[in-house]
């Protein structure tokens, strides 16, 4: 029988006995395996994850992934609908998602950036859409009959340029509506277009937003298009941001289509009388 002190020593891995024929020292803890070793010390060392109280994350990983899927769908739609309008290739792709305060993102934008404020009825708040100046000038060049050559961005947009960029944004709203159907039925509207950063900052205040960045390539020019989505806008529909349900729904839809194939084939063999009645004088 082992005493309590010997048991404690055994659990700590310090107990050694000399009862082998060769006279070598044997550690009982090693013979009993890792489970008898000093595991309480490891369990006491809990992993610590830093938490930012000033700027906490509002969206879970699944919700961020759901929003990413929605805007990947938007990118595919824009790749189809905008090239005929611009008469050139338009290749967008989602490259980055990040949570943060709108003020912090605003500091990284160029002073000539144009802001398009979008409303998605019936959801609250506004989405801010920005297109980098280099891409904006290339789009304007195409709309005004320019060539495919790379255009250098220079200066602010004129009133005509602003009006043309608004038309491009309006072309995007239909695709935005279709892509957001996964989340909620919405009616996107362009509320205002402005280059006044101070006014945008006042409207958005210090809202917590999710930044969705698209990399846009038009011929040899590459730039960015950003969507700033406030947390308050998505809060009413957070339960709908479930990518797992969307994937399962796609599989169920495919299974339903396969199961209906025999029924359609049987209906094609059903005879139906057909009569054509011609007009008479």
C-alpha atoms as a PDB file:
ATOM      1  CA  UNK A   1       0.000   0.000   0.000  1.00  0.00           C
ATOM      2  CA  UNK A   2       1.160   3.531  -0.805  1.00  0.00           C
ATOM      3  CA  UNK A   3       0.970   6.319   1.696  1.00  0.00           C
ATOM      4  CA  UNK A   4      -0.707   9.617   0.806  1.00  0.00           C
ATOM      5  CA  UNK A   5       2.663  11.320   0.422  1.00  0.00           C
ATOM      6  CA  UNK A   6       3.783   8.576  -1.989  1.00  0.00           C
ATOM      7  CA  UNK A   7       0.539   8.946  -3.995  1.00  0.00           C
ATOM      8  CA  UNK A   8       1.083  12.710  -4.253  1.00  0.00           C
ATOM      9  CA  UNK A   9       4.656  12.152  -5.340  1.00  0.00           C
ATOM     10  CA  UNK A  10       3.477   9.621  -7.931  1.00  0.00           C
ATOM     11  CA  UNK A  11       0.979  12.114  -9.398  1.00  0.00           C
ATOM     12  CA  UNK A  12       3.706  14.746  -9.563  1.00  0.00           C
ATOM     13  CA  UNK A  13       5.986  12.311 -11.403  1.00  0.00           C
ATOM     14  CA  UNK A  14       8.624  12.346  -8.688  1.00  0.00           C
ATOM     15  CA  UNK A  15       8.232   8.861  -7.211  1.00  0.00           C
ATOM     16  CA  UNK A  16      10.978   6.407  -8.123  1.00  0.00           C
ATOM     17  CA  UNK A  17      11.457   2.832  -6.832  1.00  0.00           C
ATOM     18  CA  UNK A  18      14.317   0.412  -7.197  1.00  0.00           C
ATOM     19  CA  UNK A  19      12.815  -3.031  -7.444  1.00  0.00           C
ATOM     20  CA  UNK A  20      14.106  -4.210 -10.837  1.00  0.00           C
ATOM     21  CA  UNK A  21      16.496  -7.065 -11.211  1.00  0.00           C
ATOM     22  CA  UNK A  22      19.018  -4.796 -12.871  1.00  0.00           C
ATOM     23  CA  UNK A  23      18.879  -2.377  -9.995  1.00  0.00           C
ATOM     24  CA  UNK A  24      17.925   0.585 -12.219  1.00  0.00           C
ATOM     25  CA  UNK A  25      15.635   3.331 -11.020  1.00  0.00           C
ATOM     26  CA  UNK A  26      12.069   3.159 -12.374  1.00  0.00           C
ATOM     27  CA  UNK A  27       9.667   6.101 -12.500  1.00  0.00           C
ATOM     28  CA  UNK A  28       6.141   4.820 -11.816  1.00  0.00           C
ATOM     29  CA  UNK A  29       4.531   7.871 -13.406  1.00  0.00           C
ATOM     30  CA  UNK A  30       6.247   7.130 -16.701  1.00  0.00           C
ATOM     31  CA  UNK A  31       5.133   3.489 -16.552  1.00  0.00           C
ATOM     32  CA  UNK A  32       1.504   4.525 -15.996  1.00  0.00           C
ATOM     33  CA  UNK A  33       1.529   6.898 -18.950  1.00  0.00           C
ATOM     34  CA  UNK A  34       0.882  10.591 -19.472  1.00  0.00           C
ATOM     35  CA  UNK A  35      -2.440  10.500 -17.634  1.00  0.00           C
ATOM     36  CA  UNK A  36      -0.645  10.038 -14.338  1.00  0.00           C
ATOM     37  CA  UNK A  37       1.721  12.939 -14.963  1.00  0.00           C
ATOM     38  CA  UNK A  38       1.429  16.553 -13.920  1.00  0.00           C
ATOM     39  CA  UNK A  39      -1.626  17.499 -15.969  1.00  0.00           C
ATOM     40  CA  UNK A  40      -3.199  19.840 -13.464  1.00  0.00           C
ATOM     41  CA  UNK A  41      -0.526  22.425 -14.181  1.00  0.00           C
ATOM     42  CA  UNK A  42      -1.306  22.381 -17.901  1.00  0.00           C
ATOM     43  CA  UNK A  43      -5.028  22.705 -17.302  1.00  0.00           C
ATOM     44  CA  UNK A  44      -4.488  25.671 -15.035  1.00  0.00           C
ATOM     45  CA  UNK A  45      -2.775  27.543 -17.871  1.00  0.00           C
ATOM     46  CA  UNK A  46      -5.841  28.852 -19.719  1.00  0.00           C
ATOM     47  CA  UNK A  47      -5.457  30.476 -23.100  1.00  0.00           C
ATOM     48  CA  UNK A  48      -5.972  34.220 -22.860  1.00  0.00           C
ATOM     49  CA  UNK A  49      -7.459  36.109 -25.819  1.00  0.00           C
ATOM     50  CA  UNK A  50      -7.241  39.916 -25.847  1.00  0.00           C
ATOM     51  CA  UNK A  51     -10.550  41.800 -26.014  1.00  0.00           C
ATOM     52  CA  UNK A  52     -10.799  45.347 -27.309  1.00  0.00           C
ATOM     53  CA  UNK A  53     -13.455  47.127 -25.229  1.00  0.00           C
ATOM     54  CA  UNK A  54     -13.053  50.325 -27.247  1.00  0.00           C
ATOM     55  CA  UNK A  55     -13.685  48.632 -30.581  1.00  0.00           C
ATOM     56  CA  UNK A  56     -15.297  45.198 -30.035  1.00  0.00           C
ATOM     57  CA  UNK A  57     -16.210  42.863 -32.859  1.00  0.00           C
ATOM     58  CA  UNK A  58     -19.950  42.789 -33.482  1.00  0.00           C
ATOM     59  CA  UNK A  59     -20.143  40.086 -36.166  1.00  0.00           C
ATOM     60  CA  UNK A  60     -19.335  36.419 -35.602  1.00  0.00           C
ATOM     61  CA  UNK A  61     -17.188  34.454 -38.039  1.00  0.00           C
ATOM     62  CA  UNK A  62     -20.252  32.761 -39.535  1.00  0.00           C
ATOM     63  CA  UNK A  63     -21.991  36.092 -40.045  1.00  0.00           C
ATOM     64  CA  UNK A  64     -18.917  37.581 -41.704  1.00  0.00           C
ATOM     65  CA  UNK A  65     -18.689  34.539 -43.952  1.00  0.00           C
ATOM     66  CA  UNK A  66     -22.371  34.927 -44.887  1.00  0.00           C
ATOM     67  CA  UNK A  67     -21.867  38.578 -45.824  1.00  0.00           C
ATOM     68  CA  UNK A  68     -18.803  37.588 -47.830  1.00  0.00           C
ATOM     69  CA  UNK A  69     -20.848  35.012 -49.778  1.00  0.00           C
ATOM     70  CA  UNK A  70     -23.533  37.604 -50.542  1.00  0.00           C
ATOM     71  CA  UNK A  71     -21.024  40.056 -51.963  1.00  0.00           C
ATOM     72  CA  UNK A  72     -19.149  37.383 -53.884  1.00  0.00           C
ATOM     73  CA  UNK A  73     -22.488  36.790 -55.583  1.00  0.00           C
ATOM     74  CA  UNK A  74     -22.752  40.561 -56.167  1.00  0.00           C
ATOM     75  CA  UNK A  75     -19.292  40.573 -57.788  1.00  0.00           C
ATOM     76  CA  UNK A  76     -20.331  37.798 -60.188  1.00  0.00           C
ATOM     77  CA  UNK A  77     -23.475  39.700 -61.146  1.00  0.00           C
ATOM     78  CA  UNK A  78     -21.589  42.949 -61.763  1.00  0.00           C
ATOM     79  CA  UNK A  79     -19.101  41.073 -63.929  1.00  0.00           C
ATOM     80  CA  UNK A  80     -22.017  40.180 -66.224  1.00  0.00           C
ATOM     81  CA  UNK A  81     -24.158  43.313 -66.206  1.00  0.00           C
ATOM     82  CA  UNK A  82     -21.661  46.210 -66.268  1.00  0.00           C
ATOM     83  CA  UNK A  83     -19.375  45.283 -69.236  1.00  0.00           C
ATOM     84  CA  UNK A  84     -22.100  45.881 -71.877  1.00  0.00           C
ATOM     85  CA  UNK A  85     -22.808  49.276 -70.299  1.00  0.00           C
ATOM     86  CA  UNK A  86     -19.129  50.287 -70.042  1.00  0.00           C
ATOM     87  CA  UNK A  87     -18.179  48.615 -73.352  1.00  0.00           C
ATOM     88  CA  UNK A  88     -15.166  46.991 -71.707  1.00  0.00           C
ATOM     89  CA  UNK A  89     -14.234  44.311 -69.202  1.00  0.00           C
ATOM     90  CA  UNK A  90     -15.222  44.880 -65.588  1.00  0.00           C
ATOM     91  CA  UNK A  91     -13.745  42.338 -63.163  1.00  0.00           C
ATOM     92  CA  UNK A  92     -14.591  42.757 -59.470  1.00  0.00           C
ATOM     93  CA  UNK A  93     -13.707  40.321 -56.687  1.00  0.00           C
ATOM     94  CA  UNK A  94     -14.036  40.420 -52.907  1.00  0.00           C
ATOM     95  CA  UNK A  95     -10.576  40.658 -51.360  1.00  0.00           C
ATOM     96  CA  UNK A  96     -11.046  41.868 -47.786  1.00  0.00           C
ATOM     97  CA  UNK A  97     -13.566  42.114 -44.939  1.00  0.00           C
ATOM     98  CA  UNK A  98     -12.857  43.993 -41.737  1.00  0.00           C
ATOM     99  CA  UNK A  99     -14.795  45.265 -38.744  1.00  0.00           C
ATOM    100  CA  UNK A 100     -14.057  48.677 -37.333  1.00  0.00           C
ATOM    101  CA  UNK A 101     -15.210  52.222 -36.655  1.00  0.00           C
ATOM    102  CA  UNK A 102     -16.158  54.277 -39.698  1.00  0.00           C
ATOM    103  CA  UNK A 103     -13.982  57.188 -38.540  1.00  0.00           C
ATOM    104  CA  UNK A 104     -10.898  54.973 -38.604  1.00  0.00           C
ATOM    105  CA  UNK A 105     -11.615  53.826 -42.161  1.00  0.00           C
ATOM    106  CA  UNK A 106     -12.367  57.383 -43.260  1.00  0.00           C
ATOM    107  CA  UNK A 107      -8.824  58.503 -42.429  1.00  0.00           C
ATOM    108  CA  UNK A 108      -7.410  56.065 -44.991  1.00  0.00           C
ATOM    109  CA  UNK A 109      -9.431  57.465 -47.923  1.00  0.00           C
ATOM    110  CA  UNK A 110      -8.152  59.924 -50.483  1.00  0.00           C
ATOM    111  CA  UNK A 111      -9.409  63.502 -50.242  1.00  0.00           C
ATOM    112  CA  UNK A 112     -10.962  63.286 -53.720  1.00  0.00           C
ATOM    113  CA  UNK A 113     -13.003  60.168 -52.890  1.00  0.00           C
ATOM    114  CA  UNK A 114     -16.673  60.299 -53.840  1.00  0.00           C
ATOM    115  CA  UNK A 115     -19.230  58.889 -51.394  1.00  0.00           C
ATOM    116  CA  UNK A 116     -22.502  57.329 -52.514  1.00  0.00           C
ATOM    117  CA  UNK A 117     -25.025  56.974 -49.684  1.00  0.00           C
ATOM    118  CA  UNK A 118     -27.341  54.010 -50.269  1.00  0.00           C
ATOM    119  CA  UNK A 119     -30.592  53.190 -48.490  1.00  0.00           C
ATOM    120  CA  UNK A 120     -31.864  49.608 -48.315  1.00  0.00           C
ATOM    121  CA  UNK A 121     -35.540  49.841 -47.408  1.00  0.00           C
ATOM    122  CA  UNK A 122     -36.885  48.663 -45.005  1.00  0.00           C
ATOM    123  CA  UNK A 123     -33.559  48.230 -43.166  1.00  0.00           C
ATOM    124  CA  UNK A 124     -32.323  51.156 -41.021  1.00  0.00           C
ATOM    125  CA  UNK A 125     -29.175  53.241 -41.542  1.00  0.00           C
ATOM    126  CA  UNK A 126     -27.218  53.739 -44.780  1.00  0.00           C
ATOM    127  CA  UNK A 127     -24.513  51.916 -46.705  1.00  0.00           C
ATOM    128  CA  UNK A 128     -21.590  54.040 -47.877  1.00  0.00           C
ATOM    129  CA  UNK A 129     -20.194  53.089 -51.293  1.00  0.00           C
ATOM    130  CA  UNK A 130     -16.851  54.465 -52.485  1.00  0.00           C
ATOM    131  CA  UNK A 131     -14.976  53.894 -55.742  1.00  0.00           C
ATOM    132  CA  UNK A 132     -11.271  54.720 -55.920  1.00  0.00           C
ATOM    133  CA  UNK A 133     -10.451  57.794 -58.087  1.00  0.00           C
ATOM    134  CA  UNK A 134      -8.343  55.835 -60.582  1.00  0.00           C
ATOM    135  CA  UNK A 135     -11.202  53.459 -61.346  1.00  0.00           C
ATOM    136  CA  UNK A 136     -13.709  56.316 -61.395  1.00  0.00           C
ATOM    137  CA  UNK A 137     -11.759  58.206 -64.055  1.00  0.00           C
ATOM    138  CA  UNK A 138     -11.385  55.086 -66.206  1.00  0.00           C
ATOM    139  CA  UNK A 139     -15.158  54.495 -66.019  1.00  0.00           C
ATOM    140  CA  UNK A 140     -15.831  58.107 -66.991  1.00  0.00           C
ATOM    141  CA  UNK A 141     -13.403  57.814 -69.872  1.00  0.00           C
ATOM    142  CA  UNK A 142     -15.278  54.793 -71.191  1.00  0.00           C
ATOM    143  CA  UNK A 143     -18.690  56.470 -70.791  1.00  0.00           C
ATOM    144  CA  UNK A 144     -17.464  59.575 -72.637  1.00  0.00           C
ATOM    145  CA  UNK A 145     -16.203  57.558 -75.589  1.00  0.00           C
ATOM    146  CA  UNK A 146     -12.569  57.210 -74.588  1.00  0.00           C
ATOM    147  CA  UNK A 147     -10.205  54.393 -75.521  1.00  0.00           C
ATOM    148  CA  UNK A 148      -9.091  51.411 -73.463  1.00  0.00           C
ATOM    149  CA  UNK A 149      -5.847  53.145 -72.484  1.00  0.00           C
ATOM    150  CA  UNK A 150      -5.077  53.646 -68.817  1.00  0.00           C
ATOM    151  CA  UNK A 151      -6.345  57.000 -67.579  1.00  0.00           C
ATOM    152  CA  UNK A 152      -4.594  58.925 -64.839  1.00  0.00           C
ATOM    153  CA  UNK A 153      -6.829  60.229 -62.068  1.00  0.00           C
ATOM    154  CA  UNK A 154      -6.465  63.952 -61.678  1.00  0.00           C
ATOM    155  CA  UNK A 155      -8.527  66.492 -59.776  1.00  0.00           C
ATOM    156  CA  UNK A 156     -12.109  66.402 -58.570  1.00  0.00           C
ATOM    157  CA  UNK A 157     -14.978  65.197 -60.718  1.00  0.00           C
ATOM    158  CA  UNK A 158     -16.978  67.798 -62.605  1.00  0.00           C
ATOM    159  CA  UNK A 159     -20.762  67.974 -62.305  1.00  0.00           C
ATOM    160  CA  UNK A 160     -21.096  65.935 -65.492  1.00  0.00           C
ATOM    161  CA  UNK A 161     -18.679  63.357 -64.096  1.00  0.00           C
ATOM    162  CA  UNK A 162     -20.631  63.194 -60.851  1.00  0.00           C
ATOM    163  CA  UNK A 163     -23.887  62.661 -62.731  1.00  0.00           C
ATOM    164  CA  UNK A 164     -22.352  59.880 -64.837  1.00  0.00           C
ATOM    165  CA  UNK A 165     -20.972  58.119 -61.738  1.00  0.00           C
ATOM    166  CA  UNK A 166     -24.431  58.264 -60.218  1.00  0.00           C
ATOM    167  CA  UNK A 167     -25.795  56.489 -63.290  1.00  0.00           C
ATOM    168  CA  UNK A 168     -23.171  53.745 -62.867  1.00  0.00           C
ATOM    169  CA  UNK A 169     -24.130  53.305 -59.212  1.00  0.00           C
ATOM    170  CA  UNK A 170     -27.811  53.119 -60.181  1.00  0.00           C
ATOM    171  CA  UNK A 171     -26.887  50.321 -62.607  1.00  0.00           C
ATOM    172  CA  UNK A 172     -25.409  48.416 -59.662  1.00  0.00           C
ATOM    173  CA  UNK A 173     -28.499  48.676 -57.460  1.00  0.00           C
ATOM    174  CA  UNK A 174     -30.436  45.956 -59.272  1.00  0.00           C
ATOM    175  CA  UNK A 175     -27.599  43.485 -58.750  1.00  0.00           C
ATOM    176  CA  UNK A 176     -27.278  44.601 -55.132  1.00  0.00           C
ATOM    177  CA  UNK A 177     -30.979  43.902 -54.590  1.00  0.00           C
ATOM    178  CA  UNK A 178     -30.745  40.428 -56.140  1.00  0.00           C
ATOM    179  CA  UNK A 179     -27.632  39.520 -54.129  1.00  0.00           C
ATOM    180  CA  UNK A 180     -29.183  40.669 -50.845  1.00  0.00           C
ATOM    181  CA  UNK A 181     -32.285  38.506 -51.323  1.00  0.00           C
ATOM    182  CA  UNK A 182     -30.516  35.827 -49.290  1.00  0.00           C
ATOM    183  CA  UNK A 183     -30.528  38.173 -46.303  1.00  0.00           C
ATOM    184  CA  UNK A 184     -33.787  40.089 -46.742  1.00  0.00           C
ATOM    185  CA  UNK A 185     -35.987  41.564 -49.487  1.00  0.00           C
ATOM    186  CA  UNK A 186     -34.719  45.131 -49.877  1.00  0.00           C
ATOM    187  CA  UNK A 187     -35.240  48.086 -52.214  1.00  0.00           C
ATOM    188  CA  UNK A 188     -31.903  49.846 -52.709  1.00  0.00           C
ATOM    189  CA  UNK A 189     -31.985  53.580 -53.419  1.00  0.00           C
ATOM    190  CA  UNK A 190     -29.247  56.139 -54.033  1.00  0.00           C
ATOM    191  CA  UNK A 191     -29.869  58.865 -51.463  1.00  0.00           C
ATOM    192  CA  UNK A 192     -27.036  61.291 -52.236  1.00  0.00           C
ATOM    193  CA  UNK A 193     -23.603  61.521 -53.840  1.00  0.00           C
ATOM    194  CA  UNK A 194     -20.993  63.827 -52.319  1.00  0.00           C
ATOM    195  CA  UNK A 195     -17.260  64.429 -51.955  1.00  0.00           C
ATOM    196  CA  UNK A 196     -17.683  66.205 -48.585  1.00  0.00           C
ATOM    197  CA  UNK A 197     -15.942  63.950 -46.075  1.00  0.00           C
ATOM    198  CA  UNK A 198     -17.009  66.116 -43.130  1.00  0.00           C
ATOM    199  CA  UNK A 199     -20.685  65.732 -44.019  1.00  0.00           C
ATOM    200  CA  UNK A 200     -20.323  61.965 -44.410  1.00  0.00           C
ATOM    201  CA  UNK A 201     -18.502  61.795 -41.095  1.00  0.00           C
ATOM    202  CA  UNK A 202     -21.288  63.736 -39.434  1.00  0.00           C
ATOM    203  CA  UNK A 203     -23.986  61.447 -40.886  1.00  0.00           C
ATOM    204  CA  UNK A 204     -22.186  58.208 -40.071  1.00  0.00           C
ATOM    205  CA  UNK A 205     -20.814  59.521 -36.735  1.00  0.00           C
ATOM    206  CA  UNK A 206     -18.610  56.840 -35.155  1.00  0.00           C
ATOM    207  CA  UNK A 207     -20.721  53.889 -36.210  1.00  0.00           C
ATOM    208  CA  UNK A 208     -19.430  50.353 -36.060  1.00  0.00           C
ATOM    209  CA  UNK A 209     -19.297  49.049 -39.631  1.00  0.00           C
ATOM    210  CA  UNK A 210     -18.203  46.044 -41.659  1.00  0.00           C
ATOM    211  CA  UNK A 211     -15.926  46.996 -44.535  1.00  0.00           C
ATOM    212  CA  UNK A 212     -16.263  44.903 -47.712  1.00  0.00           C
ATOM    213  CA  UNK A 213     -13.477  45.666 -50.193  1.00  0.00           C
ATOM    214  CA  UNK A 214     -13.681  44.739 -53.875  1.00  0.00           C
ATOM    215  CA  UNK A 215     -10.659  44.758 -56.129  1.00  0.00           C
ATOM    216  CA  UNK A 216     -11.779  46.050 -59.533  1.00  0.00           C
ATOM    217  CA  UNK A 217      -9.801  45.558 -62.718  1.00  0.00           C
ATOM    218  CA  UNK A 218     -10.710  47.437 -65.900  1.00  0.00           C
ATOM    219  CA  UNK A 219      -8.271  46.565 -68.671  1.00  0.00           C
ATOM    220  CA  UNK A 220      -4.864  47.498 -67.205  1.00  0.00           C
ATOM    221  CA  UNK A 221      -6.169  49.602 -64.300  1.00  0.00           C
ATOM    222  CA  UNK A 222      -6.763  48.163 -60.829  1.00  0.00           C
ATOM    223  CA  UNK A 223      -8.509  49.948 -57.983  1.00  0.00           C
ATOM    224  CA  UNK A 224     -10.882  49.392 -55.113  1.00  0.00           C
ATOM    225  CA  UNK A 225     -14.578  49.688 -54.385  1.00  0.00           C
ATOM    226  CA  UNK A 226     -15.605  49.732 -50.731  1.00  0.00           C
ATOM    227  CA  UNK A 227     -18.922  49.067 -49.024  1.00  0.00           C
ATOM    228  CA  UNK A 228     -19.304  50.231 -45.411  1.00  0.00           C
ATOM    229  CA  UNK A 229     -22.229  48.346 -43.862  1.00  0.00           C
ATOM    230  CA  UNK A 230     -23.315  49.537 -40.383  1.00  0.00           C
ATOM    231  CA  UNK A 231     -23.939  46.929 -37.728  1.00  0.00           C
ATOM    232  CA  UNK A 232     -27.275  48.619 -36.956  1.00  0.00           C
ATOM    233  CA  UNK A 233     -28.442  47.850 -40.512  1.00  0.00           C
ATOM    234  CA  UNK A 234     -27.808  44.125 -40.196  1.00  0.00           C
ATOM    235  CA  UNK A 235     -28.925  43.786 -36.576  1.00  0.00           C
ATOM    236  CA  UNK A 236     -32.607  43.095 -37.492  1.00  0.00           C
ATOM    237  CA  UNK A 237     -31.566  40.273 -39.854  1.00  0.00           C
ATOM    238  CA  UNK A 238     -28.665  38.683 -37.968  1.00  0.00           C
ATOM    239  CA  UNK A 239     -30.527  35.357 -37.768  1.00  0.00           C
ATOM    240  CA  UNK A 240     -30.634  35.201 -41.554  1.00  0.00           C
ATOM    241  CA  UNK A 241     -26.838  35.394 -41.768  1.00  0.00           C
ATOM    242  CA  UNK A 242     -26.321  31.641 -41.625  1.00  0.00           C
ATOM    243  CA  UNK A 243     -24.162  30.244 -44.448  1.00  0.00           C
ATOM    244  CA  UNK A 244     -24.772  26.648 -43.319  1.00  0.00           C
ATOM    245  CA  UNK A 245     -28.516  26.946 -43.977  1.00  0.00           C
ATOM    246  CA  UNK A 246     -27.826  28.443 -47.404  1.00  0.00           C
ATOM    247  CA  UNK A 247     -25.586  25.520 -48.364  1.00  0.00           C
ATOM    248  CA  UNK A 248     -28.120  22.973 -47.089  1.00  0.00           C
ATOM    249  CA  UNK A 249     -30.880  24.840 -48.914  1.00  0.00           C
ATOM    250  CA  UNK A 250     -28.959  24.589 -52.187  1.00  0.00           C
ATOM    251  CA  UNK A 251     -28.520  20.839 -51.703  1.00  0.00           C
ATOM    252  CA  UNK A 252     -32.220  20.369 -50.906  1.00  0.00           C
ATOM    253  CA  UNK A 253     -33.185  22.396 -53.961  1.00  0.00           C
ATOM    254  CA  UNK A 254     -30.958  20.249 -56.172  1.00  0.00           C
ATOM    255  CA  UNK A 255     -32.443  17.082 -54.668  1.00  0.00           C
ATOM    256  CA  UNK A 256     -35.970  18.339 -55.259  1.00  0.00           C
ATOM    257  CA  UNK A 257     -35.171  19.028 -58.901  1.00  0.00           C
ATOM    258  CA  UNK A 258     -33.747  15.523 -59.334  1.00  0.00           C
ATOM    259  CA  UNK A 259     -36.772  13.928 -57.686  1.00  0.00           C
ATOM    260  CA  UNK A 260     -39.156  15.777 -60.013  1.00  0.00           C
ATOM    261  CA  UNK A 261     -37.442  14.508 -63.175  1.00  0.00           C
ATOM    262  CA  UNK A 262     -39.364  11.159 -63.366  1.00  0.00           C
ATOM    263  CA  UNK A 263     -42.658  12.989 -62.874  1.00  0.00           C
ATOM    264  CA  UNK A 264     -41.930  15.363 -65.746  1.00  0.00           C
ATOM    265  CA  UNK A 265     -40.949  12.446 -67.987  1.00  0.00           C
ATOM    266  CA  UNK A 266     -44.220  10.625 -67.202  1.00  0.00           C
ATOM    267  CA  UNK A 267     -46.269  13.741 -67.936  1.00  0.00           C
ATOM    268  CA  UNK A 268     -44.647  14.049 -71.357  1.00  0.00           C
ATOM    269  CA  UNK A 269     -46.299  10.722 -72.382  1.00  0.00           C
ATOM    270  CA  UNK A 270     -49.829  11.843 -71.496  1.00  0.00           C
ATOM    271  CA  UNK A 271     -51.938  12.359 -74.686  1.00  0.00           C
ATOM    272  CA  UNK A 272     -53.753  15.691 -74.924  1.00  0.00           C
ATOM    273  CA  UNK A 273     -56.298  16.720 -77.593  1.00  0.00           C
ATOM    274  CA  UNK A 274     -55.234  19.768 -79.614  1.00  0.00           C
ATOM    275  CA  UNK A 275     -57.652  21.816 -81.716  1.00  0.00           C
ATOM    276  CA  UNK A 276     -56.895  24.874 -83.807  1.00  0.00           C
ATOM    277  CA  UNK A 277     -59.882  27.127 -84.581  1.00  0.00           C
ATOM    278  CA  UNK A 278     -59.254  29.471 -87.494  1.00  0.00           C
ATOM    279  CA  UNK A 279     -61.157  32.668 -88.070  1.00  0.00           C
ATOM    280  CA  UNK A 280     -63.911  32.774 -90.735  1.00  0.00           C
ATOM    281  CA  UNK A 281     -65.228  35.528 -93.024  1.00  0.00           C
END
